């Protein structure tokens, strides 16, 4: 019977380790989520590991050896207990896969987690790096921010992707 085990990878080598594990005949699962990252002064949506430096490997211990996992390219080690790999509790990996498919871990609209009155920083456009107060979210893609200009409070609408917690 196949069970899932946690594998600790080398820095930024999760995808490489998963690929090499698959080439060796193991089933590998690298949970990922989408989030905005800054690159060349632009915010882009990128796929990132949900658990940095960790992934899961499926091993049928009756038919497969687990020690070759330790010498796989990109792997730093496994989560062990008493010198043996510790299995992830049943159902956890299936739940992670289902939630990942539904997009439950994605962080593409961080402004939706903010509440009116929270301090926010603008990340794009001519007002980048200005700090204001969130007034309201007009819909899933736009927010209203209160900014201080020349001693007055000005209300302005921005893309939700251009706003982050200050």
N, C-alpha and C. Protein backbone atom coordinates (compact mmCIF):
# COMPACT_ATOMS: atom_id res chain seq x y z
N UNK A 1 0.84 -1.18 0.00
CA UNK A 1 0.00 0.00 0.00
C UNK A 1 0.89 1.25 0.00
N UNK A 2 0.59 2.18 -0.88
CA UNK A 2 1.37 3.40 -0.97
C UNK A 2 1.01 4.36 0.16
N UNK A 3 2.03 4.95 0.77
CA UNK A 3 1.85 5.98 1.79
C UNK A 3 2.67 7.19 1.37
N UNK A 4 2.29 8.35 1.86
CA UNK A 4 3.00 9.59 1.55
C UNK A 4 3.99 9.92 2.66
N UNK A 5 5.15 10.43 2.26
CA UNK A 5 6.20 10.83 3.18
C UNK A 5 6.68 12.22 2.81
N UNK A 6 7.08 13.00 3.83
CA UNK A 6 7.57 14.36 3.59
C UNK A 6 9.06 14.33 3.27
N UNK A 7 9.43 15.06 2.24
CA UNK A 7 10.83 15.15 1.79
C UNK A 7 11.28 16.60 1.96
N UNK A 8 12.45 16.77 2.58
CA UNK A 8 13.05 18.09 2.74
C UNK A 8 14.01 18.31 1.57
N UNK A 9 13.86 19.42 0.87
CA UNK A 9 14.68 19.66 -0.33
C UNK A 9 15.75 20.72 -0.07
N UNK A 10 16.65 20.83 -1.00
CA UNK A 10 17.65 21.89 -0.96
C UNK A 10 16.95 23.21 -1.32
N UNK A 11 17.53 24.35 -0.97
CA UNK A 11 16.88 25.63 -1.27
C UNK A 11 16.51 25.79 -2.74
N UNK A 12 15.28 26.18 -2.99
CA UNK A 12 14.75 26.44 -4.35
C UNK A 12 14.89 25.24 -5.28
N UNK A 13 14.87 24.03 -4.74
CA UNK A 13 15.02 22.82 -5.56
C UNK A 13 13.81 21.90 -5.50
N UNK A 14 12.68 22.42 -5.09
CA UNK A 14 11.50 21.57 -4.93
C UNK A 14 11.07 20.93 -6.25
N UNK A 15 10.97 21.73 -7.31
CA UNK A 15 10.53 21.20 -8.61
C UNK A 15 11.56 20.24 -9.19
N UNK A 16 12.84 20.56 -9.03
CA UNK A 16 13.89 19.69 -9.53
C UNK A 16 13.85 18.34 -8.81
N UNK A 17 13.69 18.36 -7.49
CA UNK A 17 13.62 17.12 -6.71
C UNK A 17 12.40 16.30 -7.11
N UNK A 18 11.25 16.95 -7.29
CA UNK A 18 10.03 16.23 -7.69
C UNK A 18 10.22 15.55 -9.04
N UNK A 19 10.83 16.25 -9.98
CA UNK A 19 11.07 15.68 -11.31
C UNK A 19 12.00 14.47 -11.23
N UNK A 20 13.07 14.57 -10.48
CA UNK A 20 14.01 13.46 -10.37
C UNK A 20 13.39 12.27 -9.63
N UNK A 21 12.54 12.54 -8.65
CA UNK A 21 11.84 11.44 -7.96
C UNK A 21 10.92 10.71 -8.93
N UNK A 22 10.21 11.47 -9.77
CA UNK A 22 9.31 10.84 -10.76
C UNK A 22 10.10 9.98 -11.74
N UNK A 23 11.26 10.47 -12.16
CA UNK A 23 12.11 9.70 -13.08
C UNK A 23 12.55 8.37 -12.48
N UNK A 24 12.65 8.32 -11.16
CA UNK A 24 13.05 7.08 -10.48
C UNK A 24 11.86 6.16 -10.21
N UNK A 25 10.66 6.58 -10.57
CA UNK A 25 9.50 5.73 -10.40
C UNK A 25 8.66 6.02 -9.16
N UNK A 26 9.02 7.05 -8.42
CA UNK A 26 8.23 7.44 -7.25
C UNK A 26 7.12 8.39 -7.68
N UNK A 27 6.07 8.44 -6.89
CA UNK A 27 5.03 9.44 -7.11
C UNK A 27 5.40 10.64 -6.25
N UNK A 28 5.47 11.82 -6.85
CA UNK A 28 5.85 13.03 -6.12
C UNK A 28 4.74 14.06 -6.23
N UNK A 29 4.51 14.75 -5.14
CA UNK A 29 3.49 15.81 -5.13
C UNK A 29 4.10 17.06 -4.48
N UNK A 30 4.13 18.13 -5.24
CA UNK A 30 4.63 19.42 -4.76
C UNK A 30 3.45 20.38 -4.70
N UNK A 31 2.88 20.61 -3.51
CA UNK A 31 1.76 21.55 -3.42
C UNK A 31 2.22 22.97 -3.75
N UNK A 32 1.45 23.66 -4.58
CA UNK A 32 1.80 25.02 -4.99
C UNK A 32 0.61 25.94 -4.84
N UNK A 33 0.90 27.21 -4.79
CA UNK A 33 -0.15 28.23 -4.78
C UNK A 33 0.30 29.39 -5.66
N UNK A 34 -0.66 30.15 -6.12
CA UNK A 34 -0.36 31.31 -6.96
C UNK A 34 -0.32 32.55 -6.07
N UNK A 35 0.67 33.39 -6.33
CA UNK A 35 0.77 34.64 -5.59
C UNK A 35 1.47 35.67 -6.44
N UNK A 36 1.31 36.91 -6.08
CA UNK A 36 1.99 37.98 -6.80
C UNK A 36 3.42 38.09 -6.29
N UNK A 37 4.35 38.27 -7.23
CA UNK A 37 5.74 38.54 -6.90
C UNK A 37 6.19 39.75 -7.70
N UNK A 38 7.13 40.49 -7.16
CA UNK A 38 7.67 41.65 -7.86
C UNK A 38 8.86 41.20 -8.70
N UNK A 39 8.83 41.55 -9.97
CA UNK A 39 9.91 41.21 -10.87
C UNK A 39 10.06 42.33 -11.89
N UNK A 40 11.23 42.91 -11.95
CA UNK A 40 11.52 44.00 -12.89
C UNK A 40 10.50 45.13 -12.76
N UNK A 41 10.24 45.51 -11.49
CA UNK A 41 9.31 46.60 -11.17
C UNK A 41 7.87 46.32 -11.57
N UNK A 42 7.55 45.07 -11.77
CA UNK A 42 6.17 44.70 -12.11
C UNK A 42 5.73 43.59 -11.18
N UNK A 43 4.44 43.57 -10.89
CA UNK A 43 3.89 42.47 -10.09
C UNK A 43 3.29 41.46 -11.06
N UNK A 44 3.75 40.23 -10.94
CA UNK A 44 3.23 39.17 -11.81
C UNK A 44 2.77 38.00 -10.93
N UNK A 45 1.78 37.27 -11.43
CA UNK A 45 1.30 36.08 -10.73
C UNK A 45 2.27 34.94 -11.01
N UNK A 46 2.73 34.29 -9.95
CA UNK A 46 3.69 33.19 -10.09
C UNK A 46 3.23 32.00 -9.26
N UNK A 47 3.62 30.83 -9.69
CA UNK A 47 3.32 29.60 -8.98
C UNK A 47 4.49 29.32 -8.03
N UNK A 48 4.22 29.25 -6.74
CA UNK A 48 5.24 29.05 -5.73
C UNK A 48 4.89 27.84 -4.85
N UNK A 49 5.91 27.18 -4.27
CA UNK A 49 5.63 26.05 -3.36
C UNK A 49 4.83 26.51 -2.15
N UNK A 50 3.84 25.73 -1.77
CA UNK A 50 3.03 26.04 -0.59
C UNK A 50 3.86 25.87 0.68
N UNK A 51 4.71 24.86 0.71
CA UNK A 51 5.62 24.62 1.83
C UNK A 51 7.05 24.71 1.28
N UNK A 52 7.68 25.89 1.35
CA UNK A 52 9.03 26.01 0.79
C UNK A 52 9.97 24.96 1.38
N UNK A 53 10.76 24.33 0.48
CA UNK A 53 11.75 23.31 0.79
C UNK A 53 11.14 21.96 1.20
N UNK A 54 9.84 21.75 0.95
CA UNK A 54 9.23 20.46 1.25
C UNK A 54 8.35 20.01 0.10
N UNK A 55 8.26 18.70 -0.07
CA UNK A 55 7.32 18.08 -1.00
C UNK A 55 6.97 16.72 -0.43
N UNK A 56 6.06 16.01 -1.09
CA UNK A 56 5.63 14.70 -0.62
C UNK A 56 5.98 13.65 -1.67
N UNK A 57 6.39 12.49 -1.20
CA UNK A 57 6.71 11.38 -2.10
C UNK A 57 5.87 10.18 -1.67
N UNK A 58 5.27 9.52 -2.68
CA UNK A 58 4.48 8.32 -2.43
C UNK A 58 5.34 7.08 -2.59
N UNK A 59 5.39 6.26 -1.54
CA UNK A 59 6.23 5.06 -1.56
C UNK A 59 5.42 3.87 -1.06
N UNK A 60 5.45 2.79 -1.82
CA UNK A 60 4.90 1.51 -1.37
C UNK A 60 6.08 0.77 -0.74
N UNK A 61 6.18 0.78 0.57
CA UNK A 61 7.35 0.25 1.28
C UNK A 61 7.54 -1.25 1.07
N UNK A 62 6.48 -1.97 0.67
CA UNK A 62 6.61 -3.41 0.43
C UNK A 62 7.32 -3.69 -0.89
N UNK A 63 7.21 -2.75 -1.86
CA UNK A 63 7.80 -2.97 -3.18
C UNK A 63 8.91 -2.00 -3.54
N UNK A 64 9.04 -0.91 -2.79
CA UNK A 64 10.01 0.12 -3.16
C UNK A 64 10.92 0.45 -1.97
N UNK A 65 12.17 0.68 -2.26
CA UNK A 65 13.12 1.10 -1.24
C UNK A 65 13.00 2.62 -1.06
N UNK A 66 13.15 3.08 0.17
CA UNK A 66 13.04 4.51 0.42
C UNK A 66 14.40 5.20 0.45
N UNK A 67 15.47 4.49 0.69
CA UNK A 67 16.79 5.11 0.80
C UNK A 67 17.27 5.83 -0.47
N UNK A 68 16.92 5.35 -1.68
CA UNK A 68 17.34 6.11 -2.87
C UNK A 68 16.80 7.54 -2.92
N UNK A 69 15.69 7.79 -2.21
CA UNK A 69 15.14 9.14 -2.15
C UNK A 69 16.18 10.10 -1.58
N UNK A 70 16.95 9.63 -0.60
CA UNK A 70 17.93 10.49 0.08
C UNK A 70 19.05 10.96 -0.84
N UNK A 71 19.35 10.19 -1.88
CA UNK A 71 20.44 10.57 -2.78
C UNK A 71 19.93 11.18 -4.09
N UNK A 72 18.66 11.53 -4.12
CA UNK A 72 18.06 12.14 -5.32
C UNK A 72 18.51 13.60 -5.44
N UNK A 73 18.75 14.03 -6.66
CA UNK A 73 19.13 15.42 -6.93
C UNK A 73 18.07 16.36 -6.36
N UNK A 74 18.50 17.34 -5.59
CA UNK A 74 17.60 18.32 -5.01
C UNK A 74 17.08 17.96 -3.63
N UNK A 75 17.25 16.73 -3.19
CA UNK A 75 16.74 16.29 -1.89
C UNK A 75 17.81 16.48 -0.82
N UNK A 76 17.41 17.07 0.31
CA UNK A 76 18.32 17.25 1.45
C UNK A 76 18.11 16.14 2.48
N UNK A 77 16.91 15.58 2.55
CA UNK A 77 16.61 14.54 3.53
C UNK A 77 15.12 14.24 3.56
N UNK A 78 14.74 13.38 4.48
CA UNK A 78 13.33 13.04 4.68
C UNK A 78 13.01 13.27 6.15
N UNK A 79 11.73 13.41 6.45
CA UNK A 79 11.30 13.52 7.83
C UNK A 79 11.33 12.10 8.40
N UNK A 80 12.24 11.89 9.35
CA UNK A 80 12.46 10.55 9.91
C UNK A 80 12.08 10.51 11.38
N UNK A 81 11.78 9.31 11.84
CA UNK A 81 11.54 9.05 13.26
C UNK A 81 12.15 7.71 13.59
N UNK A 82 13.16 7.70 14.43
CA UNK A 82 13.83 6.47 14.77
C UNK A 82 14.58 5.86 13.59
N UNK A 83 15.07 6.69 12.69
CA UNK A 83 15.82 6.21 11.54
C UNK A 83 14.97 5.72 10.39
N UNK A 84 13.66 5.78 10.52
CA UNK A 84 12.73 5.35 9.46
C UNK A 84 11.88 6.54 9.04
N UNK A 85 11.46 6.59 7.75
CA UNK A 85 10.60 7.69 7.32
C UNK A 85 9.25 7.64 8.05
N UNK A 86 8.77 8.82 8.43
CA UNK A 86 7.47 8.91 9.10
C UNK A 86 6.42 9.24 8.06
N UNK A 87 5.40 8.40 7.98
CA UNK A 87 4.32 8.60 7.01
C UNK A 87 3.45 9.78 7.42
N UNK A 88 2.99 10.52 6.42
CA UNK A 88 2.04 11.61 6.63
C UNK A 88 0.69 10.97 6.96
N UNK A 89 -0.06 11.50 7.91
CA UNK A 89 -1.37 10.90 8.24
C UNK A 89 -2.25 10.74 6.99
N UNK A 90 -2.99 9.64 6.95
CA UNK A 90 -3.85 9.34 5.80
C UNK A 90 -4.82 10.49 5.52
N UNK A 91 -4.99 10.78 4.26
CA UNK A 91 -5.96 11.78 3.82
C UNK A 91 -5.42 13.19 3.73
N UNK A 92 -4.29 13.49 4.35
CA UNK A 92 -3.75 14.86 4.34
C UNK A 92 -3.36 15.27 2.93
N UNK A 93 -2.62 14.43 2.22
CA UNK A 93 -2.16 14.78 0.87
C UNK A 93 -3.35 14.88 -0.08
N UNK A 94 -4.32 13.98 0.04
CA UNK A 94 -5.52 14.06 -0.81
C UNK A 94 -6.26 15.36 -0.56
N UNK A 95 -6.35 15.78 0.69
CA UNK A 95 -7.01 17.04 1.03
C UNK A 95 -6.24 18.23 0.45
N UNK A 96 -4.91 18.20 0.56
CA UNK A 96 -4.10 19.27 -0.02
C UNK A 96 -4.28 19.35 -1.53
N UNK A 97 -4.31 18.19 -2.20
CA UNK A 97 -4.48 18.17 -3.66
C UNK A 97 -5.84 18.74 -4.05
N UNK A 98 -6.87 18.39 -3.32
CA UNK A 98 -8.21 18.89 -3.63
C UNK A 98 -8.28 20.40 -3.42
N UNK A 99 -7.76 20.88 -2.30
CA UNK A 99 -7.80 22.31 -2.01
C UNK A 99 -6.96 23.10 -3.00
N UNK A 100 -5.83 22.53 -3.43
CA UNK A 100 -5.00 23.20 -4.43
C UNK A 100 -5.75 23.32 -5.75
N UNK A 101 -6.45 22.23 -6.15
CA UNK A 101 -7.24 22.25 -7.39
C UNK A 101 -8.32 23.33 -7.34
N UNK A 102 -8.90 23.56 -6.15
CA UNK A 102 -9.95 24.57 -5.99
C UNK A 102 -9.39 25.99 -5.90
N UNK A 103 -8.05 26.12 -5.77
CA UNK A 103 -7.45 27.44 -5.65
C UNK A 103 -7.54 28.03 -4.26
N UNK A 104 -7.76 27.19 -3.26
CA UNK A 104 -7.94 27.67 -1.90
C UNK A 104 -6.70 28.32 -1.31
N UNK A 105 -5.53 27.99 -1.82
CA UNK A 105 -4.29 28.53 -1.28
C UNK A 105 -3.79 29.75 -2.04
N UNK A 106 -4.42 30.09 -3.16
CA UNK A 106 -3.95 31.19 -4.00
C UNK A 106 -4.07 32.52 -3.27
N UNK A 107 -3.07 33.37 -3.48
CA UNK A 107 -3.02 34.70 -2.86
C UNK A 107 -3.01 35.78 -3.93
N UNK A 108 -3.93 35.68 -4.87
CA UNK A 108 -3.93 36.64 -5.97
C UNK A 108 -4.68 37.92 -5.65
N UNK A 109 -5.51 37.89 -4.64
CA UNK A 109 -6.26 39.09 -4.29
C UNK A 109 -6.08 39.40 -2.81
N UNK A 110 -4.87 39.81 -2.42
CA UNK A 110 -4.61 40.07 -1.01
C UNK A 110 -5.46 41.19 -0.44
N UNK A 111 -5.93 42.12 -1.28
CA UNK A 111 -6.72 43.24 -0.78
C UNK A 111 -8.05 42.76 -0.20
N UNK A 112 -8.53 41.60 -0.63
CA UNK A 112 -9.80 41.10 -0.11
C UNK A 112 -9.68 40.68 1.35
N UNK A 113 -8.47 40.45 1.85
CA UNK A 113 -8.29 40.10 3.25
C UNK A 113 -8.19 41.33 4.13
N UNK A 114 -8.09 42.50 3.53
CA UNK A 114 -8.00 43.73 4.29
C UNK A 114 -9.40 44.22 4.65
N UNK A 115 -9.47 44.97 5.73
CA UNK A 115 -10.76 45.53 6.16
C UNK A 115 -10.72 47.04 6.05
N UNK A 116 -11.87 47.68 5.86
CA UNK A 116 -11.89 49.14 5.81
C UNK A 116 -11.23 49.72 7.06
N UNK A 117 -10.38 50.71 6.83
CA UNK A 117 -9.65 51.35 7.92
C UNK A 117 -8.21 50.85 8.04
N UNK A 118 -7.89 49.71 7.43
CA UNK A 118 -6.53 49.17 7.48
C UNK A 118 -5.59 50.05 6.66
N UNK A 119 -4.35 50.18 7.14
CA UNK A 119 -3.32 50.91 6.39
C UNK A 119 -2.88 50.05 5.21
N UNK A 120 -2.79 50.68 4.03
CA UNK A 120 -2.40 49.96 2.82
C UNK A 120 -1.31 50.74 2.09
N UNK A 121 -0.49 50.00 1.33
CA UNK A 121 0.56 50.60 0.51
C UNK A 121 0.23 50.29 -0.95
N UNK A 122 0.35 51.29 -1.80
CA UNK A 122 0.14 51.09 -3.22
C UNK A 122 1.44 50.57 -3.82
N UNK A 123 1.35 49.58 -4.70
CA UNK A 123 2.55 48.93 -5.22
C UNK A 123 2.80 49.19 -6.70
N UNK A 124 1.84 49.80 -7.39
CA UNK A 124 1.99 50.02 -8.83
C UNK A 124 1.57 51.43 -9.21
N UNK A 125 2.00 51.83 -10.36
CA UNK A 125 1.54 53.09 -10.94
C UNK A 125 2.23 54.31 -10.37
N UNK A 126 1.69 55.49 -10.69
CA UNK A 126 2.33 56.74 -10.27
C UNK A 126 2.28 56.96 -8.76
N UNK A 127 1.39 56.27 -8.06
CA UNK A 127 1.28 56.43 -6.61
C UNK A 127 2.00 55.31 -5.85
N UNK A 128 2.83 54.54 -6.53
CA UNK A 128 3.54 53.43 -5.89
C UNK A 128 4.28 53.92 -4.64
N UNK A 129 4.21 53.13 -3.60
CA UNK A 129 4.85 53.35 -2.30
C UNK A 129 4.11 54.35 -1.41
N UNK A 130 3.02 54.95 -1.88
CA UNK A 130 2.22 55.82 -1.01
C UNK A 130 1.42 54.95 -0.06
N UNK A 131 1.23 55.45 1.15
CA UNK A 131 0.45 54.73 2.16
C UNK A 131 -0.84 55.49 2.41
N UNK A 132 -1.93 54.75 2.50
CA UNK A 132 -3.23 55.35 2.77
C UNK A 132 -4.07 54.41 3.61
N UNK A 133 -5.36 54.67 3.66
CA UNK A 133 -6.31 53.83 4.41
C UNK A 133 -7.33 53.25 3.45
N UNK A 134 -7.61 51.96 3.62
CA UNK A 134 -8.61 51.31 2.78
C UNK A 134 -9.98 51.81 3.19
N UNK A 135 -10.72 52.35 2.22
CA UNK A 135 -12.08 52.85 2.50
C UNK A 135 -13.11 51.75 2.24
N UNK A 136 -12.97 51.06 1.11
CA UNK A 136 -13.94 50.01 0.75
C UNK A 136 -13.40 49.21 -0.42
N UNK A 137 -13.98 48.03 -0.61
CA UNK A 137 -13.69 47.23 -1.80
C UNK A 137 -14.91 47.34 -2.69
N UNK A 138 -14.76 47.98 -3.85
CA UNK A 138 -15.92 48.19 -4.71
C UNK A 138 -16.38 46.90 -5.38
N UNK A 139 -15.44 46.00 -5.68
CA UNK A 139 -15.76 44.66 -6.19
C UNK A 139 -14.51 43.80 -6.02
N UNK A 140 -14.46 42.64 -6.65
CA UNK A 140 -13.33 41.74 -6.48
C UNK A 140 -12.03 42.29 -7.07
N UNK A 141 -12.12 43.26 -7.98
CA UNK A 141 -10.93 43.73 -8.66
C UNK A 141 -10.55 45.17 -8.36
N UNK A 142 -11.40 45.92 -7.67
CA UNK A 142 -11.14 47.33 -7.40
C UNK A 142 -11.33 47.64 -5.92
N UNK A 143 -10.52 48.58 -5.40
CA UNK A 143 -10.65 49.04 -4.02
C UNK A 143 -10.60 50.56 -3.99
N UNK A 144 -11.18 51.13 -2.96
CA UNK A 144 -11.16 52.58 -2.76
C UNK A 144 -10.21 52.86 -1.59
N UNK A 145 -9.25 53.76 -1.82
CA UNK A 145 -8.23 54.09 -0.82
C UNK A 145 -8.29 55.58 -0.53
N UNK A 146 -8.15 55.93 0.76
CA UNK A 146 -8.08 57.33 1.18
C UNK A 146 -6.61 57.72 1.27
N UNK A 147 -6.21 58.76 0.52
CA UNK A 147 -4.83 59.24 0.51
C UNK A 147 -4.78 60.67 1.01
N UNK A 148 -3.68 61.04 1.66
CA UNK A 148 -3.49 62.40 2.14
C UNK A 148 -2.69 63.19 1.11
N UNK A 149 -3.29 64.25 0.54
CA UNK A 149 -2.62 65.13 -0.41
C UNK A 149 -2.82 66.58 0.00
N UNK A 150 -1.71 67.29 0.18
CA UNK A 150 -1.75 68.72 0.48
C UNK A 150 -2.71 69.05 1.61
N UNK A 151 -2.67 68.24 2.66
CA UNK A 151 -3.50 68.50 3.83
C UNK A 151 -4.95 68.08 3.69
N UNK A 152 -5.30 67.45 2.58
CA UNK A 152 -6.69 67.00 2.37
C UNK A 152 -6.69 65.49 2.19
N UNK A 153 -7.82 64.88 2.50
CA UNK A 153 -8.00 63.46 2.25
C UNK A 153 -8.70 63.29 0.92
N UNK A 154 -8.08 62.52 0.04
CA UNK A 154 -8.62 62.30 -1.30
C UNK A 154 -8.96 60.82 -1.44
N UNK A 155 -10.13 60.56 -2.00
CA UNK A 155 -10.57 59.19 -2.25
C UNK A 155 -10.21 58.80 -3.67
N UNK A 156 -9.53 57.64 -3.83
CA UNK A 156 -9.12 57.19 -5.17
C UNK A 156 -9.36 55.70 -5.29
N UNK A 157 -9.66 55.26 -6.51
CA UNK A 157 -9.93 53.85 -6.77
C UNK A 157 -8.75 53.23 -7.49
N UNK A 158 -8.35 52.01 -7.04
CA UNK A 158 -7.21 51.31 -7.61
C UNK A 158 -7.55 49.84 -7.84
N UNK A 159 -6.75 49.18 -8.64
CA UNK A 159 -6.88 47.74 -8.81
C UNK A 159 -6.51 47.06 -7.50
N UNK A 160 -7.25 46.03 -7.11
CA UNK A 160 -6.99 45.34 -5.85
C UNK A 160 -5.59 44.73 -5.86
N UNK A 161 -5.08 44.36 -7.01
CA UNK A 161 -3.74 43.76 -7.11
C UNK A 161 -2.64 44.78 -6.80
N UNK A 162 -2.96 46.07 -6.87
CA UNK A 162 -1.98 47.13 -6.66
C UNK A 162 -1.93 47.58 -5.21
N UNK A 163 -2.60 46.87 -4.31
CA UNK A 163 -2.69 47.27 -2.91
C UNK A 163 -2.23 46.11 -2.02
N UNK A 164 -1.41 46.46 -1.00
CA UNK A 164 -0.99 45.44 -0.03
C UNK A 164 -1.03 46.06 1.36
N UNK A 165 -1.02 45.24 2.38
CA UNK A 165 -1.02 45.75 3.75
C UNK A 165 0.26 46.53 4.00
N UNK A 166 0.12 47.64 4.69
CA UNK A 166 1.29 48.49 4.99
C UNK A 166 1.96 48.05 6.28
